[in-house]
Amino acid sequence: MMAGPVSRSRRFSLKNFEERLARLEQLTQLVRSPQTPLADAVAGFEEGFKLAQTLEKDLEKLEKRVEVLLNPPAPGSQPPGDDPTFDLFSDLPKAP
């Protein structure tokens, strides 16, 4: 669990990430099950592969964000207006 307040949009983003991760776990179980028909296993593998790629991209963005937070640039080392941007989960709708 995260300590402190979390913005509404960030909660939604994290929930969506967790939901997609849970779906990937379901697909993994489906593909590994010996009772799953081959066609369903292949379809589950394809969905899981695409899902894993998007989750990996989101994790890479999160790692970059954490790296910037842990190692902020020294004052004056960046040109004005060249601030880092955090577009983690930028594909999600904005909270009202």
C-alpha atoms as a PDB file:
ATOM      1  CA  MET A   1       0.000   0.000   0.000  1.00  0.00           C
ATOM      2  CA  MET A   2       1.084   3.545  -0.705  1.00  0.00           C
ATOM      3  CA  ALA A   3       1.380   5.993   2.153  1.00  0.00           C
ATOM      4  CA  GLY A   4      -0.187   9.408   1.928  1.00  0.00           C
ATOM      5  CA  PRO A   5      -2.873  10.799  -0.345  1.00  0.00           C
ATOM      6  CA  VAL A   6      -3.071   9.601  -3.900  1.00  0.00           C
ATOM      7  CA  SER A   7      -4.802  11.683  -6.548  1.00  0.00           C
ATOM      8  CA  ARG A   8      -7.960  10.342  -8.067  1.00  0.00           C
ATOM      9  CA  SER A   9      -6.386   9.986 -11.526  1.00  0.00           C
ATOM     10  CA  ARG A  10      -3.349   8.186 -10.096  1.00  0.00           C
ATOM     11  CA  ARG A  11      -5.612   5.734  -8.197  1.00  0.00           C
ATOM     12  CA  PHE A  12      -7.464   5.032 -11.436  1.00  0.00           C
ATOM     13  CA  SER A  13      -4.195   4.484 -13.292  1.00  0.00           C
ATOM     14  CA  LEU A  14      -2.817   2.149 -10.659  1.00  0.00           C
ATOM     15  CA  LYS A  15      -6.109   0.265 -10.512  1.00  0.00           C
ATOM     16  CA  ASN A  16      -6.056  -0.148 -14.266  1.00  0.00           C
ATOM     17  CA  PHE A  17      -2.467  -1.392 -14.121  1.00  0.00           C
ATOM     18  CA  GLU A  18      -3.389  -3.860 -11.386  1.00  0.00           C
ATOM     19  CA  GLU A  19      -6.421  -5.039 -13.351  1.00  0.00           C
ATOM     20  CA  ARG A  20      -4.282  -5.631 -16.433  1.00  0.00           C
ATOM     21  CA  LEU A  21      -1.707  -7.489 -14.342  1.00  0.00           C
ATOM     22  CA  ALA A  22      -4.458  -9.660 -12.842  1.00  0.00           C
ATOM     23  CA  ARG A  23      -5.730 -10.386 -16.365  1.00  0.00           C
ATOM     24  CA  LEU A  24      -2.221 -11.429 -17.411  1.00  0.00           C
ATOM     25  CA  GLU A  25      -2.094 -13.821 -14.453  1.00  0.00           C
ATOM     26  CA  GLN A  26      -5.462 -15.293 -15.490  1.00  0.00           C
ATOM     27  CA  LEU A  27      -4.217 -15.779 -19.035  1.00  0.00           C
ATOM     28  CA  THR A  28      -1.056 -17.461 -17.745  1.00  0.00           C
ATOM     29  CA  GLN A  29      -3.140 -19.960 -15.807  1.00  0.00           C
ATOM     30  CA  LEU A  30      -5.373 -20.538 -18.829  1.00  0.00           C
ATOM     31  CA  VAL A  31      -2.431 -21.213 -21.149  1.00  0.00           C
ATOM     32  CA  ARG A  32      -0.738 -23.538 -18.649  1.00  0.00           C
ATOM     33  CA  SER A  33      -3.863 -25.588 -17.977  1.00  0.00           C
ATOM     34  CA  PRO A  34      -3.809 -28.974 -19.725  1.00  0.00           C
ATOM     35  CA  GLN A  35      -7.614 -28.785 -20.082  1.00  0.00           C
ATOM     36  CA  THR A  36      -7.468 -25.642 -22.224  1.00  0.00           C
ATOM     37  CA  PRO A  37      -8.155 -26.342 -25.905  1.00  0.00           C
ATOM     38  CA  LEU A  38      -5.258 -25.440 -28.179  1.00  0.00           C
ATOM     39  CA  ALA A  39      -7.146 -22.643 -29.955  1.00  0.00           C
ATOM     40  CA  ASP A  40      -8.035 -21.021 -26.620  1.00  0.00           C
ATOM     41  CA  ALA A  41      -4.460 -21.405 -25.383  1.00  0.00           C
ATOM     42  CA  VAL A  42      -3.087 -19.704 -28.507  1.00  0.00           C
ATOM     43  CA  ALA A  43      -5.630 -16.878 -28.249  1.00  0.00           C
ATOM     44  CA  GLY A  44      -4.806 -16.467 -24.559  1.00  0.00           C
ATOM     45  CA  PHE A  45      -1.090 -16.440 -25.353  1.00  0.00           C
ATOM     46  CA  GLU A  46      -1.559 -13.732 -27.980  1.00  0.00           C
ATOM     47  CA  GLU A  47      -3.622 -11.556 -25.629  1.00  0.00           C
ATOM     48  CA  GLY A  48      -1.161 -12.138 -22.806  1.00  0.00           C
ATOM     49  CA  PHE A  49       1.827 -11.290 -24.984  1.00  0.00           C
ATOM     50  CA  LYS A  50       0.306  -7.948 -26.016  1.00  0.00           C
ATOM     51  CA  LEU A  51      -0.715  -7.233 -22.442  1.00  0.00           C
ATOM     52  CA  ALA A  52       2.772  -8.046 -21.158  1.00  0.00           C
ATOM     53  CA  GLN A  53       4.286  -5.630 -23.676  1.00  0.00           C
ATOM     54  CA  THR A  54       2.063  -2.750 -22.526  1.00  0.00           C
ATOM     55  CA  LEU A  55       2.723  -3.541 -18.871  1.00  0.00           C
ATOM     56  CA  GLU A  56       6.464  -3.589 -19.539  1.00  0.00           C
ATOM     57  CA  LYS A  57       6.295  -0.180 -21.223  1.00  0.00           C
ATOM     58  CA  ASP A  58       4.383   1.215 -18.257  1.00  0.00           C
ATOM     59  CA  LEU A  59       6.951  -0.206 -15.854  1.00  0.00           C
ATOM     60  CA  GLU A  60       9.792   1.339 -17.865  1.00  0.00           C
ATOM     61  CA  LYS A  61       8.078   4.726 -17.637  1.00  0.00           C
ATOM     62  CA  LEU A  62       7.599   4.254 -13.910  1.00  0.00           C
ATOM     63  CA  GLU A  63      11.266   3.304 -13.459  1.00  0.00           C
ATOM     64  CA  LYS A  64      12.334   6.477 -15.275  1.00  0.00           C
ATOM     65  CA  ARG A  65      10.024   8.532 -13.107  1.00  0.00           C
ATOM     66  CA  VAL A  66      11.411   6.990  -9.912  1.00  0.00           C
ATOM     67  CA  GLU A  67      14.970   7.521 -11.161  1.00  0.00           C
ATOM     68  CA  VAL A  68      14.296  11.222 -11.734  1.00  0.00           C
ATOM     69  CA  LEU A  69      12.667  11.524  -8.314  1.00  0.00           C
ATOM     70  CA  LEU A  70      15.573   9.793  -6.584  1.00  0.00           C
ATOM     71  CA  ASN A  71      18.265  11.610  -8.597  1.00  0.00           C
ATOM     72  CA  PRO A  72      16.913  15.084  -9.388  1.00  0.00           C
ATOM     73  CA  PRO A  73      19.031  17.201 -11.696  1.00  0.00           C
ATOM     74  CA  ALA A  74      21.228  19.780  -9.990  1.00  0.00           C
ATOM     75  CA  PRO A  75      19.781  23.301 -10.006  1.00  0.00           C
ATOM     76  CA  GLY A  76      20.826  25.120 -13.161  1.00  0.00           C
ATOM     77  CA  SER A  77      21.960  21.961 -14.950  1.00  0.00           C
ATOM     78  CA  GLN A  78      18.897  21.910 -17.190  1.00  0.00           C
ATOM     79  CA  PRO A  79      17.888  24.606 -19.644  1.00  0.00           C
ATOM     80  CA  PRO A  80      14.625  26.371 -18.675  1.00  0.00           C
ATOM     81  CA  GLY A  81      11.556  24.596 -20.003  1.00  0.00           C
ATOM     82  CA  ASP A  82      13.416  21.302 -20.328  1.00  0.00           C
ATOM     83  CA  ASP A  83      11.749  19.749 -17.301  1.00  0.00           C
ATOM     84  CA  PRO A  84      11.192  15.990 -17.393  1.00  0.00           C
ATOM     85  CA  THR A  85       7.689  14.907 -18.251  1.00  0.00           C
ATOM     86  CA  PHE A  86       5.947  11.938 -16.733  1.00  0.00           C
ATOM     87  CA  ASP A  87       3.523  10.381 -19.160  1.00  0.00           C
ATOM     88  CA  LEU A  88       2.924   7.142 -17.298  1.00  0.00           C
ATOM     89  CA  PHE A  89      -0.510   5.898 -18.278  1.00  0.00           C
ATOM     90  CA  SER A  90      -0.940   8.854 -20.603  1.00  0.00           C
ATOM     91  CA  ASP A  91      -3.316   6.799 -22.725  1.00  0.00           C
ATOM     92  CA  LEU A  92      -5.917   6.784 -19.937  1.00  0.00           C
ATOM     93  CA  PRO A  93      -8.693   9.369 -19.721  1.00  0.00           C
ATOM     94  CA  LYS A  94      -8.116  12.259 -17.344  1.00  0.00           C
ATOM     95  CA  ALA A  95     -10.099  12.360 -14.107  1.00  0.00           C
ATOM     96  CA  PRO A  96     -12.754  15.098 -13.946  1.00  0.00           C
END
